[in-house]
């Protein structure tokens, strides 16, 4: 039996916000967005607070 393994480079390389969503760009070019409603602390944060982020875990998360 053969199996096909596809390795994704799934760490984030950029993060941005719109008025209603959180947006990640991954190293392999994929993009993921989620509504800010899912993250009340980010939803309620000011624009300046949202811009004050950094990668953690080699791009596996943000803080």
PDB file of N, CA and C in Angstrom:
ATOM      1  N   UNK A   1       0.847  -1.176   0.000  1.00  0.00           N
ATOM      2  CA  UNK A   1       0.000   0.000   0.000  1.00  0.00           C
ATOM      3  C   UNK A   1       0.891   1.236   0.000  1.00  0.00           C
ATOM      4  N   UNK A   2       0.565   2.165  -0.847  1.00  0.00           N
ATOM      5  CA  UNK A   2       1.282   3.434  -0.909  1.00  0.00           C
ATOM      6  C   UNK A   2       0.458   4.520  -0.241  1.00  0.00           C
ATOM      7  N   UNK A   3       1.128   5.425   0.384  1.00  0.00           N
ATOM      8  CA  UNK A   3       0.453   6.593   0.953  1.00  0.00           C
ATOM      9  C   UNK A   3       1.130   7.841   0.433  1.00  0.00           C
ATOM     10  N   UNK A   4       0.358   8.862   0.310  1.00  0.00           N
ATOM     11  CA  UNK A   4       0.881  10.138  -0.155  1.00  0.00           C
ATOM     12  C   UNK A   4       0.910  11.087   1.029  1.00  0.00           C
ATOM     13  N   UNK A   5       2.071  11.534   1.384  1.00  0.00           N
ATOM     14  CA  UNK A   5       2.206  12.485   2.485  1.00  0.00           C
ATOM     15  C   UNK A   5       2.520  13.857   1.908  1.00  0.00           C
ATOM     16  N   UNK A   6       1.687  14.792   2.231  1.00  0.00           N
ATOM     17  CA  UNK A   6       1.901  16.168   1.792  1.00  0.00           C
ATOM     18  C   UNK A   6       2.307  16.978   3.006  1.00  0.00           C
ATOM     19  N   UNK A   7       3.461  17.579   2.929  1.00  0.00           N
ATOM     20  CA  UNK A   7       3.933  18.388   4.049  1.00  0.00           C
ATOM     21  C   UNK A   7       3.578  19.844   3.794  1.00  0.00           C
ATOM     22  N   UNK A   8       2.835  20.420   4.722  1.00  0.00           N
ATOM     23  CA  UNK A   8       2.475  21.823   4.636  1.00  0.00           C
ATOM     24  C   UNK A   8       3.391  22.634   5.538  1.00  0.00           C
ATOM     25  N   UNK A   9       3.793  23.773   5.068  1.00  0.00           N
ATOM     26  CA  UNK A   9       4.548  24.711   5.891  1.00  0.00           C
ATOM     27  C   UNK A   9       3.505  25.627   6.515  1.00  0.00           C
ATOM     28  N   UNK A  10       3.016  25.243   7.675  1.00  0.00           N
ATOM     29  CA  UNK A  10       1.809  25.859   8.208  1.00  0.00           C
ATOM     30  C   UNK A  10       2.030  26.924   9.281  1.00  0.00           C
ATOM     31  N   UNK A  11       3.206  27.509   9.328  1.00  0.00           N
ATOM     32  CA  UNK A  11       3.385  28.587  10.303  1.00  0.00           C
ATOM     33  C   UNK A  11       2.985  29.927   9.674  1.00  0.00           C
ATOM     34  N   UNK A  12       2.558  30.839  10.519  1.00  0.00           N
ATOM     35  CA  UNK A  12       2.105  32.153  10.048  1.00  0.00           C
ATOM     36  C   UNK A  12       3.294  33.048   9.715  1.00  0.00           C
ATOM     37  N   UNK A  13       3.116  33.853   8.672  1.00  0.00           N
ATOM     38  CA  UNK A  13       4.139  34.830   8.300  1.00  0.00           C
ATOM     39  C   UNK A  13       3.602  36.256   8.373  1.00  0.00           C
ATOM     40  N   UNK A  14       2.284  36.406   8.493  1.00  0.00           N
ATOM     41  CA  UNK A  14       1.694  37.735   8.627  1.00  0.00           C
ATOM     42  C   UNK A  14       0.343  37.616   9.311  1.00  0.00           C
ATOM     43  N   UNK A  15      -0.006  38.663  10.027  1.00  0.00           N
ATOM     44  CA  UNK A  15      -1.292  38.752  10.719  1.00  0.00           C
ATOM     45  C   UNK A  15      -1.845  40.140  10.457  1.00  0.00           C
ATOM     46  N   UNK A  16      -3.139  40.217  10.184  1.00  0.00           N
ATOM     47  CA  UNK A  16      -3.777  41.520  10.009  1.00  0.00           C
ATOM     48  C   UNK A  16      -5.211  41.440  10.518  1.00  0.00           C
ATOM     49  N   UNK A  17      -5.800  42.608  10.673  1.00  0.00           N
ATOM     50  CA  UNK A  17      -7.164  42.709  11.181  1.00  0.00           C
ATOM     51  C   UNK A  17      -7.980  43.611  10.271  1.00  0.00           C
ATOM     52  N   UNK A  18      -9.251  43.271  10.127  1.00  0.00           N
ATOM     53  CA  UNK A  18     -10.220  44.198   9.564  1.00  0.00           C
ATOM     54  C   UNK A  18     -11.131  44.582  10.725  1.00  0.00           C
ATOM     55  N   UNK A  19     -12.156  45.342  10.465  1.00  0.00           N
ATOM     56  CA  UNK A  19     -13.078  45.707  11.544  1.00  0.00           C
ATOM     57  C   UNK A  19     -13.794  44.491  12.109  1.00  0.00           C
ATOM     58  N   UNK A  20     -13.905  43.430  11.313  1.00  0.00           N
ATOM     59  CA  UNK A  20     -14.688  42.273  11.745  1.00  0.00           C
ATOM     60  C   UNK A  20     -13.945  40.947  11.754  1.00  0.00           C
ATOM     61  N   UNK A  21     -12.669  40.919  11.306  1.00  0.00           N
ATOM     62  CA  UNK A  21     -11.995  39.622  11.224  1.00  0.00           C
ATOM     63  C   UNK A  21     -10.504  39.682  11.552  1.00  0.00           C
ATOM     64  N   UNK A  22      -9.991  38.516  11.896  1.00  0.00           N
ATOM     65  CA  UNK A  22      -8.570  38.263  12.123  1.00  0.00           C
ATOM     66  C   UNK A  22      -8.093  37.463  10.919  1.00  0.00           C
ATOM     67  N   UNK A  23      -6.962  37.843  10.340  1.00  0.00           N
ATOM     68  CA  UNK A  23      -6.505  37.242   9.087  1.00  0.00           C
ATOM     69  C   UNK A  23      -5.047  36.810   9.223  1.00  0.00           C
ATOM     70  N   UNK A  24      -4.769  35.542   8.901  1.00  0.00           N
ATOM     71  CA  UNK A  24      -3.417  34.993   8.908  1.00  0.00           C
ATOM     72  C   UNK A  24      -2.995  34.652   7.490  1.00  0.00           C
ATOM     73  N   UNK A  25      -1.734  34.904   7.173  1.00  0.00           N
ATOM     74  CA  UNK A  25      -1.118  34.402   5.946  1.00  0.00           C
ATOM     75  C   UNK A  25      -0.082  33.378   6.385  1.00  0.00           C
ATOM     76  N   UNK A  26      -0.175  32.171   5.819  1.00  0.00           N
ATOM     77  CA  UNK A  26       0.744  31.100   6.174  1.00  0.00           C
ATOM     78  C   UNK A  26       1.918  31.056   5.202  1.00  0.00           C
ATOM     79  N   UNK A  27       3.003  30.431   5.632  1.00  0.00           N
ATOM     80  CA  UNK A  27       4.235  30.399   4.841  1.00  0.00           C
ATOM     81  C   UNK A  27       4.043  29.757   3.475  1.00  0.00           C
ATOM     82  N   UNK A  28       3.107  28.839   3.351  1.00  0.00           N
ATOM     83  CA  UNK A  28       2.896  28.167   2.064  1.00  0.00           C
ATOM     84  C   UNK A  28       1.905  28.908   1.168  1.00  0.00           C
ATOM     85  N   UNK A  29       1.493  30.122   1.588  1.00  0.00           N
ATOM     86  CA  UNK A  29       0.610  30.937   0.763  1.00  0.00           C
ATOM     87  C   UNK A  29      -0.862  30.853   1.112  1.00  0.00           C
ATOM     88  N   UNK A  30      -1.248  29.872   1.918  1.00  0.00           N
ATOM     89  CA  UNK A  30      -2.651  29.791   2.320  1.00  0.00           C
ATOM     90  C   UNK A  30      -2.998  30.962   3.221  1.00  0.00           C
ATOM     91  N   UNK A  31      -4.269  31.319   3.223  1.00  0.00           N
ATOM     92  CA  UNK A  31      -4.760  32.405   4.064  1.00  0.00           C
ATOM     93  C   UNK A  31      -5.954  31.904   4.860  1.00  0.00           C
ATOM     94  N   UNK A  32      -6.003  32.309   6.120  1.00  0.00           N
ATOM     95  CA  UNK A  32      -7.071  31.888   7.021  1.00  0.00           C
ATOM     96  C   UNK A  32      -7.635  33.123   7.700  1.00  0.00           C
ATOM     97  N   UNK A  33      -8.952  33.220   7.748  1.00  0.00           N
ATOM     98  CA  UNK A  33      -9.616  34.327   8.445  1.00  0.00           C
ATOM     99  C   UNK A  33     -10.629  33.766   9.424  1.00  0.00           C
ATOM    100  N   UNK A  34     -10.847  34.510  10.497  1.00  0.00           N
ATOM    101  CA  UNK A  34     -11.848  34.136  11.492  1.00  0.00           C
ATOM    102  C   UNK A  34     -12.521  35.408  11.995  1.00  0.00           C
ATOM    103  N   UNK A  35     -13.802  35.327  12.324  1.00  0.00           N
ATOM    104  CA  UNK A  35     -14.502  36.512  12.822  1.00  0.00           C
ATOM    105  C   UNK A  35     -13.969  36.947  14.188  1.00  0.00           C
ATOM    106  N   UNK A  36     -13.847  38.245  14.390  1.00  0.00           N
ATOM    107  CA  UNK A  36     -13.407  38.752  15.693  1.00  0.00           C
ATOM    108  C   UNK A  36     -14.404  38.413  16.793  1.00  0.00           C
ATOM    109  N   UNK A  37     -15.638  38.119  16.443  1.00  0.00           N
ATOM    110  CA  UNK A  37     -16.632  37.709  17.440  1.00  0.00           C
ATOM    111  C   UNK A  37     -16.177  36.466  18.199  1.00  0.00           C
ATOM    112  N   UNK A  38     -15.340  35.657  17.596  1.00  0.00           N
ATOM    113  CA  UNK A  38     -14.826  34.461  18.257  1.00  0.00           C
ATOM    114  C   UNK A  38     -13.760  34.794  19.298  1.00  0.00           C
ATOM    115  N   UNK A  39     -13.234  36.016  19.271  1.00  0.00           N
ATOM    116  CA  UNK A  39     -12.147  36.443  20.153  1.00  0.00           C
ATOM    117  C   UNK A  39     -12.536  37.759  20.825  1.00  0.00           C
ATOM    118  N   UNK A  40     -13.343  37.716  21.881  1.00  0.00           N
ATOM    119  CA  UNK A  40     -13.868  38.951  22.482  1.00  0.00           C
ATOM    120  C   UNK A  40     -12.794  39.962  22.893  1.00  0.00           C
ATOM    121  N   UNK A  41     -11.659  39.506  23.378  1.00  0.00           N
ATOM    122  CA  UNK A  41     -10.615  40.458  23.789  1.00  0.00           C
ATOM    123  C   UNK A  41     -10.051  41.200  22.586  1.00  0.00           C
ATOM    124  N   UNK A  42      -9.892  40.517  21.464  1.00  0.00           N
ATOM    125  CA  UNK A  42      -9.438  41.195  20.245  1.00  0.00           C
ATOM    126  C   UNK A  42     -10.537  42.076  19.671  1.00  0.00           C
ATOM    127  N   UNK A  43     -11.766  41.599  19.709  1.00  0.00           N
ATOM    128  CA  UNK A  43     -12.902  42.382  19.203  1.00  0.00           C
ATOM    129  C   UNK A  43     -12.997  43.719  19.927  1.00  0.00           C
ATOM    130  N   UNK A  44     -12.783  43.697  21.246  1.00  0.00           N
ATOM    131  CA  UNK A  44     -12.929  44.897  22.067  1.00  0.00           C
ATOM    132  C   UNK A  44     -11.662  45.744  22.134  1.00  0.00           C
ATOM    133  N   UNK A  45     -10.567  45.275  21.553  1.00  0.00           N
ATOM    134  CA  UNK A  45      -9.292  46.000  21.604  1.00  0.00           C
ATOM    135  C   UNK A  45      -9.306  47.194  20.648  1.00  0.00           C
ATOM    136  N   UNK A  46      -8.494  48.181  20.984  1.00  0.00           N
ATOM    137  CA  UNK A  46      -8.334  49.333  20.083  1.00  0.00           C
ATOM    138  C   UNK A  46      -7.456  48.929  18.897  1.00  0.00           C
ATOM    139  N   UNK A  47      -7.441  49.751  17.862  1.00  0.00           N
ATOM    140  CA  UNK A  47      -6.566  49.484  16.711  1.00  0.00           C
ATOM    141  C   UNK A  47      -5.107  49.420  17.143  1.00  0.00           C
ATOM    142  N   UNK A  48      -4.706  50.321  18.039  1.00  0.00           N
ATOM    143  CA  UNK A  48      -3.317  50.327  18.521  1.00  0.00           C
ATOM    144  C   UNK A  48      -2.996  49.029  19.257  1.00  0.00           C
ATOM    145  N   UNK A  49      -3.923  48.538  20.064  1.00  0.00           N
ATOM    146  CA  UNK A  49      -3.698  47.280  20.784  1.00  0.00           C
ATOM    147  C   UNK A  49      -3.611  46.104  19.817  1.00  0.00           C
ATOM    148  N   UNK A  50      -4.419  46.102  18.786  1.00  0.00           N
ATOM    149  CA  UNK A  50      -4.376  45.009  17.806  1.00  0.00           C
ATOM    150  C   UNK A  50      -3.071  45.012  17.015  1.00  0.00           C
ATOM    151  N   UNK A  51      -2.471  46.171  16.832  1.00  0.00           N
ATOM    152  CA  UNK A  51      -1.202  46.253  16.095  1.00  0.00           C
ATOM    153  C   UNK A  51      -0.016  45.815  16.945  1.00  0.00           C
ATOM    154  N   UNK A  52      -0.210  45.673  18.247  1.00  0.00           N
ATOM    155  CA  UNK A  52       0.868  45.319  19.171  1.00  0.00           C
ATOM    156  C   UNK A  52       0.889  43.800  19.388  1.00  0.00           C
ATOM    157  N   UNK A  53       1.336  43.053  18.383  1.00  0.00           N
ATOM    158  CA  UNK A  53       1.391  41.602  18.469  1.00  0.00           C
ATOM    159  C   UNK A  53       2.787  41.128  18.084  1.00  0.00           C
ATOM    160  N   UNK A  54       3.084  39.867  18.423  1.00  0.00           N
ATOM    161  CA  UNK A  54       4.345  39.249  18.011  1.00  0.00           C
ATOM    162  C   UNK A  54       4.113  37.757  17.826  1.00  0.00           C
ATOM    163  N   UNK A  55       4.920  37.148  16.978  1.00  0.00           N
ATOM    164  CA  UNK A  55       4.842  35.704  16.782  1.00  0.00           C
ATOM    165  C   UNK A  55       5.430  34.985  17.982  1.00  0.00           C
ATOM    166  N   UNK A  56       4.855  33.845  18.313  1.00  0.00           N
ATOM    167  CA  UNK A  56       5.417  32.947  19.321  1.00  0.00           C
ATOM    168  C   UNK A  56       5.500  31.554  18.703  1.00  0.00           C
ATOM    169  N   UNK A  57       6.383  30.730  19.227  1.00  0.00           N
ATOM    170  CA  UNK A  57       6.510  29.362  18.728  1.00  0.00           C
ATOM    171  C   UNK A  57       6.856  29.278  17.259  1.00  0.00           C
ATOM    172  N   UNK A  58       7.784  30.128  16.810  1.00  0.00           N
ATOM    173  CA  UNK A  58       8.213  30.120  15.398  1.00  0.00           C
ATOM    174  C   UNK A  58       7.045  30.286  14.433  1.00  0.00           C
ATOM    175  N   UNK A  59       6.113  31.162  14.781  1.00  0.00           N
ATOM    176  CA  UNK A  59       4.991  31.445  13.897  1.00  0.00           C
ATOM    177  C   UNK A  59       3.796  30.531  14.085  1.00  0.00           C
ATOM    178  N   UNK A  60       3.849  29.667  15.085  1.00  0.00           N
ATOM    179  CA  UNK A  60       2.718  28.774  15.338  1.00  0.00           C
ATOM    180  C   UNK A  60       1.613  29.480  16.126  1.00  0.00           C
ATOM    181  N   UNK A  61       1.906  30.650  16.667  1.00  0.00           N
ATOM    182  CA  UNK A  61       0.908  31.425  17.401  1.00  0.00           C
ATOM    183  C   UNK A  61       1.308  32.885  17.447  1.00  0.00           C
ATOM    184  N   UNK A  62       0.398  33.708  17.969  1.00  0.00           N
ATOM    185  CA  UNK A  62       0.707  35.124  18.175  1.00  0.00           C
ATOM    186  C   UNK A  62       0.341  35.486  19.600  1.00  0.00           C
ATOM    187  N   UNK A  63       0.979  36.532  20.084  1.00  0.00           N
ATOM    188  CA  UNK A  63       0.701  37.027  21.433  1.00  0.00           C
ATOM    189  C   UNK A  63       0.621  38.528  21.366  1.00  0.00           C
TER     190      UNK A  63
END
